Amino acid sequence: MKIGALDLGSRPLLLAPMEDVTDPSFRAMCKHFGADMMYTEFVNADGLIRNAGSSVQKLCIGEAERPIGIQIYGHIIESMVEAARMADAANPDVIDINFGCPVKKIAGRGAGSGMLRDVPKMVEMTRQIVRVVKRPVTVKTRLGWDSDSLNIVEVAERLQDVGIQALTIHGRTRAQMYTGKADWTLIGEVRNNPRMRIPIVGNGDVDSPEVAAERFARYGVDGIMIGRASYGRPYIFAEIKHYLQHGEKMPPLSVVQKAELAKLHLSKSLEFKGDRTGILEMRRHLSCYFKGIPNFKEMRLKLVTSNDPDELYFLLDQVAKIYGHCDVSPDINPSPWGAGGEAGC
């Protein structure tokens, strides 16, 4: 799969841009486990051009993260064009436009998936952004605003015609938010439309290697983007790649290994965002790293309410000590980081 001159190889796996999730610490984890391309948290165009600290900080990307895209969102064309210029200056591999976020405070004012209610404006905004930036422009969007406006086939053609070089489609409407099942039928229709020349990436409900393999085979998508299924599971990229290559599941991680991964992730989160924010943004991951462990409710509550880094490290050591008997494959190499590495898979 190529985005312009950027070659991601065959059947690439992309980490979805997610607010308060795809920060540098989590990106580092996903990159290690084989994510072929990643995106920053999405950046508010208005905040960026006002030089808001939180927005500007999201433009900080490292060479080790490449290939990486910066995703921007907004509802005013002029602001989005200026934000695109600023994002372009940060030297990402692609500029991605968010026409997919369904959250009310974003979509309700016409940004994100709200743009699906004004396709001419969406197309014109995209055309102007393509014209002013130096690198490939891509788009992420949804099937339509609601079930009465499933216009993605038309939207895809029009966005391609103004110059985007890849399109990611989430298989839900804005009205669905994240409820119900993602419908990949229209994603496949876009991919198999003879007018389409750009790569089509599918997104939505890919939460296992088997589902990923089925989506590639059945719908012919060029790549798959993974979002919520990566919470507390950055190794899902390695799991899927192993299955695609060998036709069998990768040996599962043990509880001890997951605890070590969580500790490494926590250390990176604290390094990049400080104690308070680093801990708060780790909580969604800490609640997911240990899914399926019996009688874990009390320990999970402690993990997601503690505000002290030392206590969290202690609790994670306790998880390994108390629940180590739950390991399903204790013989997995415990240190893919090399001798003395911090975690295993």
Protein backbone atom coordinates (compact mmCIF):
# COMPACT_ATOMS: atom_id res chain seq x y z
CA MET A 1 0.00 0.00 0.00
CA LYS A 2 1.39 3.37 -1.01
CA ILE A 3 0.37 6.84 0.12
CA GLY A 4 2.06 8.96 -2.49
CA ALA A 5 5.70 7.84 -2.36
CA LEU A 6 5.30 6.39 1.15
CA ASP A 7 5.31 2.59 0.93
CA LEU A 8 3.67 0.83 3.89
CA GLY A 9 4.03 -2.65 2.45
CA SER A 10 1.34 -5.28 2.01
CA ARG A 11 -1.69 -5.33 4.33
CA PRO A 12 -0.43 -2.62 6.70
CA LEU A 13 -1.90 -2.02 10.15
CA LEU A 14 -2.44 1.59 11.22
CA LEU A 15 -2.98 3.00 14.70
CA ALA A 16 -6.02 5.28 14.71
CA PRO A 17 -5.68 8.86 15.95
CA MET A 18 -7.43 9.05 19.32
CA GLU A 19 -7.66 11.98 21.71
CA ASP A 20 -5.91 11.40 25.06
CA VAL A 21 -4.82 7.96 23.79
CA THR A 22 -2.32 8.14 20.95
CA ASP A 23 0.22 10.24 22.80
CA PRO A 24 3.96 9.60 22.43
CA SER A 25 4.01 6.97 25.19
CA PHE A 26 1.32 4.82 23.61
CA ARG A 27 2.69 5.34 20.13
CA ALA A 28 6.04 4.02 21.32
CA MET A 29 4.35 0.87 22.59
CA CYS A 30 2.40 0.30 19.38
CA LYS A 31 5.42 0.99 17.20
CA HIS A 32 7.43 -1.64 19.03
CA PHE A 33 4.71 -4.20 18.39
CA GLY A 34 4.58 -3.55 14.67
CA ALA A 35 2.16 -0.72 13.88
CA ASP A 36 3.02 0.19 10.29
CA MET A 37 1.79 3.75 10.59
CA MET A 38 0.60 5.88 13.47
CA TYR A 39 -1.18 9.19 13.99
CA THR A 40 -1.00 11.85 16.62
CA GLU A 41 -3.95 12.72 18.77
CA PHE A 42 -6.21 14.88 16.62
CA VAL A 43 -5.33 18.57 16.68
CA ASN A 44 -7.86 21.39 16.96
CA ALA A 45 -7.21 23.80 14.09
CA ASP A 46 -8.47 26.82 16.04
CA GLY A 47 -6.28 25.94 19.02
CA LEU A 48 -3.29 25.48 16.79
CA ILE A 49 -3.53 28.85 15.07
CA ARG A 50 -4.11 30.53 18.46
CA ASN A 51 -0.87 28.85 19.57
CA ALA A 52 -2.61 26.97 22.38
CA GLY A 53 0.00 24.94 24.20
CA SER A 54 -1.89 21.66 24.20
CA SER A 55 -2.48 21.82 20.46
CA VAL A 56 1.05 22.85 19.56
CA GLN A 57 2.48 20.09 21.75
CA LYS A 58 0.68 17.46 19.66
CA LEU A 59 2.80 18.45 16.66
CA CYS A 60 5.90 17.07 18.37
CA ILE A 61 6.88 13.85 16.64
CA GLY A 62 10.08 11.82 16.72
CA GLU A 63 12.08 10.18 13.96
CA ALA A 64 11.58 6.78 15.59
CA GLU A 65 7.82 7.13 15.14
CA ARG A 66 7.87 7.32 11.36
CA PRO A 67 5.86 6.93 9.30
CA ILE A 68 3.45 9.13 11.22
CA GLY A 69 0.59 11.46 10.35
CA ILE A 70 -0.73 14.58 12.05
CA GLN A 71 -4.52 14.74 12.04
CA ILE A 72 -6.33 18.08 12.20
CA TYR A 73 -9.98 18.97 12.62
CA GLY A 74 -12.10 22.10 12.40
CA HIS A 75 -15.13 23.60 10.67
CA ILE A 76 -13.74 26.84 9.23
CA ILE A 77 -11.92 26.46 5.93
CA GLU A 78 -9.47 29.30 6.47
CA SER A 79 -8.51 28.02 9.93
CA MET A 80 -8.05 24.49 8.65
CA VAL A 81 -5.83 25.67 5.80
CA GLU A 82 -3.63 27.65 8.18
CA ALA A 83 -3.51 24.73 10.63
CA ALA A 84 -2.54 22.42 7.79
CA ARG A 85 0.37 24.73 6.95
CA MET A 86 1.53 24.62 10.58
CA ALA A 87 1.19 20.85 10.76
CA ASP A 88 3.06 20.56 7.46
CA ALA A 89 5.94 22.55 8.94
CA ALA A 90 6.25 19.93 11.70
CA ASN A 91 7.37 17.51 8.98
CA PRO A 92 5.04 14.53 9.40
CA ASP A 93 4.75 11.93 6.67
CA VAL A 94 1.12 12.82 5.93
CA ILE A 95 -1.49 15.38 6.89
CA ASP A 96 -4.78 13.70 7.78
CA ILE A 97 -8.13 15.50 7.91
CA ASN A 98 -10.61 14.37 10.53
CA PHE A 99 -14.06 14.12 8.96
CA GLY A 100 -15.03 11.25 11.24
CA CYS A 101 -15.13 12.25 14.91
CA PRO A 102 -18.75 11.81 16.11
CA VAL A 103 -18.46 13.56 19.48
CA LYS A 104 -21.21 16.14 19.90
CA LYS A 105 -18.98 19.09 20.79
CA ILE A 106 -17.05 18.53 17.55
CA ALA A 107 -19.62 17.16 15.07
CA GLY A 108 -22.35 19.44 16.42
CA ARG A 109 -20.52 22.54 15.23
CA GLY A 110 -19.79 21.10 11.82
CA ALA A 111 -16.30 19.67 12.35
CA GLY A 112 -15.33 15.99 12.31
CA SER A 113 -18.20 13.88 11.05
CA GLY A 114 -20.34 17.04 11.07
CA MET A 115 -18.78 17.76 7.69
CA LEU A 116 -20.81 14.88 6.25
CA ARG A 117 -23.82 17.20 6.38
CA ASP A 118 -22.10 19.66 4.04
CA VAL A 119 -20.20 17.65 1.45
CA PRO A 120 -19.45 20.62 -0.85
CA LYS A 121 -17.74 22.39 2.06
CA MET A 122 -15.88 19.19 2.96
CA VAL A 123 -14.62 18.87 -0.59
CA GLU A 124 -13.62 22.54 -0.86
CA MET A 125 -11.78 22.43 2.48
CA THR A 126 -9.89 19.35 1.33
CA ARG A 127 -9.06 20.90 -2.04
CA GLN A 128 -7.54 23.97 -0.40
CA ILE A 129 -5.52 21.94 2.10
CA VAL A 130 -4.13 19.70 -0.65
CA ARG A 131 -3.08 22.81 -2.54
CA VAL A 132 -1.06 24.38 0.30
CA VAL A 133 0.82 21.47 1.92
CA LYS A 134 3.93 19.72 0.64
CA ARG A 135 3.16 16.17 1.71
CA PRO A 136 0.32 13.73 1.03
CA VAL A 137 -3.11 14.58 2.40
CA THR A 138 -5.37 11.78 3.63
CA VAL A 139 -8.86 11.74 5.11
CA LYS A 140 -10.64 9.70 7.78
CA THR A 141 -14.44 9.72 7.71
CA ARG A 142 -17.59 7.62 8.22
CA LEU A 143 -20.28 6.02 6.06
CA GLY A 144 -22.53 9.06 6.34
CA TRP A 145 -24.33 11.23 8.86
CA ASP A 146 -27.08 8.68 9.48
CA SER A 147 -28.75 5.68 7.85
CA ASP A 148 -30.67 7.98 5.50
CA SER A 149 -27.49 9.56 4.12
CA LEU A 150 -25.05 6.75 3.39
CA ASN A 151 -23.11 8.80 0.87
CA ILE A 152 -19.58 7.45 1.32
CA VAL A 153 -19.24 6.16 -2.27
CA GLU A 154 -19.90 9.66 -3.64
CA VAL A 155 -17.83 11.34 -0.93
CA ALA A 156 -14.86 9.06 -1.62
CA GLU A 157 -14.88 9.87 -5.33
CA ARG A 158 -15.12 13.60 -4.74
CA LEU A 159 -12.32 13.62 -2.17
CA GLN A 160 -10.11 11.61 -4.50
CA ASP A 161 -10.86 14.05 -7.29
CA VAL A 162 -9.48 16.98 -5.27
CA GLY A 163 -6.25 15.20 -4.50
CA ILE A 164 -6.29 13.08 -1.33
CA GLN A 165 -3.93 10.12 -1.52
CA ALA A 166 -5.62 7.67 0.86
CA LEU A 167 -8.99 7.35 2.59
CA THR A 168 -9.83 5.65 5.87
CA ILE A 169 -13.49 4.74 6.41
CA HIS A 170 -15.01 3.88 9.77
CA GLY A 171 -17.90 1.51 9.16
CA ARG A 172 -20.48 3.43 11.15
CA THR A 173 -22.55 6.57 10.65
CA ARG A 174 -22.21 9.58 12.88
CA ALA A 175 -25.62 8.79 14.39
CA GLN A 176 -24.33 5.40 15.53
CA MET A 177 -21.41 6.95 17.40
CA TYR A 178 -19.69 3.74 18.58
CA THR A 179 -22.81 1.63 19.09
CA GLY A 180 -23.92 -1.38 17.10
CA LYS A 181 -21.68 -3.22 14.70
CA ALA A 182 -19.45 -1.62 12.09
CA ASP A 183 -20.78 -2.29 8.58
CA TRP A 184 -17.94 -3.00 6.19
CA THR A 185 -20.19 -3.56 3.17
CA LEU A 186 -19.92 0.03 1.97
CA ILE A 187 -16.21 0.11 2.76
CA GLY A 188 -15.84 -2.82 0.38
CA GLU A 189 -18.01 -1.05 -2.19
CA VAL A 190 -15.72 1.98 -2.12
CA ARG A 191 -12.63 -0.22 -2.36
CA ASN A 192 -14.02 -2.10 -5.36
CA ASN A 193 -15.37 0.99 -7.13
CA PRO A 194 -13.50 1.02 -10.47
CA ARG A 195 -13.21 4.81 -10.22
CA MET A 196 -11.12 4.64 -7.07
CA ARG A 197 -7.35 4.75 -7.53
CA ILE A 198 -6.21 5.57 -3.99
CA PRO A 199 -5.75 3.13 -1.08
CA ILE A 200 -8.80 2.45 1.08
CA VAL A 201 -8.25 1.66 4.76
CA GLY A 202 -11.03 0.01 6.76
CA ASN A 203 -11.74 0.78 10.41
CA GLY A 204 -14.23 -0.47 12.96
CA ASP A 205 -14.53 -3.51 15.26
CA VAL A 206 -11.24 -5.14 14.27
CA ASP A 207 -10.45 -6.65 17.64
CA SER A 208 -8.76 -9.95 16.83
CA PRO A 209 -6.37 -11.48 14.29
CA GLU A 210 -9.18 -13.58 12.83
CA VAL A 211 -11.38 -10.53 12.21
CA ALA A 212 -8.49 -8.66 10.59
CA ALA A 213 -7.76 -11.56 8.24
CA GLU A 214 -11.44 -11.83 7.32
CA ARG A 215 -11.71 -8.10 6.60
CA PHE A 216 -8.70 -8.17 4.29
CA ALA A 217 -9.95 -11.25 2.45
CA ARG A 218 -13.63 -10.35 2.19
CA TYR A 219 -13.52 -6.64 1.46
CA GLY A 220 -10.16 -6.25 -0.25
CA VAL A 221 -9.12 -3.20 1.78
CA ASP A 222 -5.55 -2.03 1.34
CA GLY A 223 -4.98 -1.54 5.06
CA ILE A 224 -6.73 -1.78 8.42
CA MET A 225 -6.83 0.91 11.09
CA ILE A 226 -7.18 -0.17 14.72
CA GLY A 227 -8.55 2.10 17.41
CA ARG A 228 -10.26 1.08 20.64
CA ALA A 229 -9.10 -2.54 20.45
CA SER A 230 -5.57 -1.29 21.11
CA TYR A 231 -6.42 0.08 24.58
CA GLY A 232 -4.19 -1.80 27.00
CA ARG A 233 -3.25 -4.06 24.11
CA PRO A 234 -0.54 -2.44 21.98
CA TYR A 235 0.58 -5.95 21.08
CA ILE A 236 -2.56 -6.47 18.96
CA PHE A 237 -0.46 -5.38 15.98
CA ALA A 238 1.99 -8.22 16.60
CA GLU A 239 -0.89 -10.66 17.13
CA ILE A 240 -2.50 -9.77 13.80
CA LYS A 241 0.77 -9.83 11.87
CA HIS A 242 1.67 -13.22 13.27
CA TYR A 243 -1.72 -14.60 12.26
CA LEU A 244 -1.56 -13.11 8.76
CA GLN A 245 1.91 -14.56 8.23
CA HIS A 246 1.55 -17.98 9.87
CA GLY A 247 -2.19 -18.69 9.91
CA GLU A 248 -2.15 -19.36 13.62
CA LYS A 249 -2.41 -17.32 16.79
CA MET A 250 0.62 -15.90 18.50
CA PRO A 251 1.16 -17.40 21.97
CA PRO A 252 -0.72 -15.21 24.45
CA LEU A 253 1.05 -12.95 26.89
CA SER A 254 1.21 -14.02 30.51
CA VAL A 255 -0.08 -11.85 33.33
CA VAL A 256 3.50 -11.26 34.44
CA GLN A 257 4.43 -10.05 30.98
CA LYS A 258 1.38 -7.80 30.80
CA ALA A 259 2.29 -6.28 34.18
CA GLU A 260 5.80 -5.53 32.89
CA LEU A 261 4.37 -3.98 29.74
CA ALA A 262 2.03 -1.84 31.82
CA LYS A 263 4.96 -0.65 33.93
CA LEU A 264 6.93 0.30 30.83
CA HIS A 265 3.92 2.10 29.38
CA LEU A 266 3.39 3.93 32.69
CA SER A 267 7.02 5.06 32.80
CA LYS A 268 6.75 6.49 29.29
CA SER A 269 3.45 8.20 30.10
CA LEU A 270 4.96 9.87 33.16
CA GLU A 271 8.02 10.90 31.15
CA PHE A 272 6.02 12.57 28.40
CA LYS A 273 3.09 14.04 30.33
CA GLY A 274 4.12 14.35 33.97
CA ASP A 275 2.64 12.61 36.98
CA ARG A 276 -0.90 14.00 37.03
CA THR A 277 -1.78 13.84 33.34
CA GLY A 278 0.36 10.78 32.75
CA ILE A 279 -1.53 8.82 35.39
CA LEU A 280 -4.96 10.04 34.33
CA GLU A 281 -4.37 9.08 30.71
CA MET A 282 -2.95 5.67 31.67
CA ARG A 283 -6.13 4.66 33.46
CA ARG A 284 -8.04 3.55 30.35
CA HIS A 285 -5.10 1.32 29.49
CA LEU A 286 -4.60 -0.03 33.00
CA SER A 287 -8.25 -1.08 33.09
CA CYS A 288 -7.71 -3.04 29.86
CA TYR A 289 -4.28 -4.64 30.25
CA PHE A 290 -5.70 -7.29 32.57
CA LYS A 291 -9.07 -8.07 31.02
CA GLY A 292 -10.34 -11.56 31.70
CA ILE A 293 -8.49 -12.18 34.96
CA PRO A 294 -10.92 -13.68 37.51
CA ASN A 295 -11.57 -11.86 40.79
CA PHE A 296 -9.71 -8.79 39.59
CA LYS A 297 -12.30 -6.12 40.36
CA GLU A 298 -10.74 -4.85 43.59
CA MET A 299 -7.26 -4.66 42.09
CA ARG A 300 -8.57 -2.93 38.95
CA LEU A 301 -10.29 -0.31 41.13
CA LYS A 302 -7.00 0.41 42.88
CA LEU A 303 -5.16 0.73 39.57
CA VAL A 304 -7.61 3.25 38.15
CA THR A 305 -7.96 5.39 41.27
CA SER A 306 -4.38 5.71 42.50
CA ASN A 307 -2.71 9.07 41.91
CA ASP A 308 0.74 8.06 43.09
CA PRO A 309 3.33 6.70 40.63
CA ASP A 310 5.17 4.65 43.25
CA GLU A 311 1.91 3.07 44.39
CA LEU A 312 1.02 2.18 40.80
CA TYR A 313 4.36 0.48 40.24
CA PHE A 314 3.85 -1.42 43.49
CA LEU A 315 0.33 -2.44 42.46
CA LEU A 316 1.56 -3.69 39.10
CA ASP A 317 4.21 -5.77 40.87
CA GLN A 318 1.42 -7.14 43.06
CA VAL A 319 -0.61 -8.03 39.99
CA ALA A 320 2.28 -10.15 38.74
CA LYS A 321 2.81 -11.72 42.15
CA ILE A 322 -0.81 -12.45 43.05
CA TYR A 323 -2.21 -13.29 39.63
CA GLY A 324 0.85 -14.90 38.09
CA HIS A 325 -0.83 -18.30 38.39
CA CYS A 326 -3.26 -17.10 35.71
CA ASP A 327 -0.48 -17.16 33.12
CA VAL A 328 -1.55 -19.03 30.01
CA SER A 329 1.88 -19.33 28.43
CA PRO A 330 4.69 -18.81 30.95
CA ASP A 331 7.40 -20.02 28.58
CA ILE A 332 7.17 -17.10 26.13
CA ASN A 333 10.46 -15.24 25.76
CA PRO A 334 10.10 -12.63 28.51
CA SER A 335 12.33 -9.98 26.95
CA PRO A 336 11.86 -8.93 23.33
CA TRP A 337 13.71 -5.69 24.25
CA GLY A 338 16.85 -7.78 24.60
CA ALA A 339 18.74 -8.92 27.66
CA GLY A 340 17.48 -7.09 30.70
CA GLY A 341 14.52 -5.69 28.76
CA GLU A 342 11.52 -4.39 30.65
CA ALA A 343 8.75 -6.52 29.16
CA GLY A 344 7.83 -9.49 27.03
CA CYS A 345 5.45 -10.69 24.39
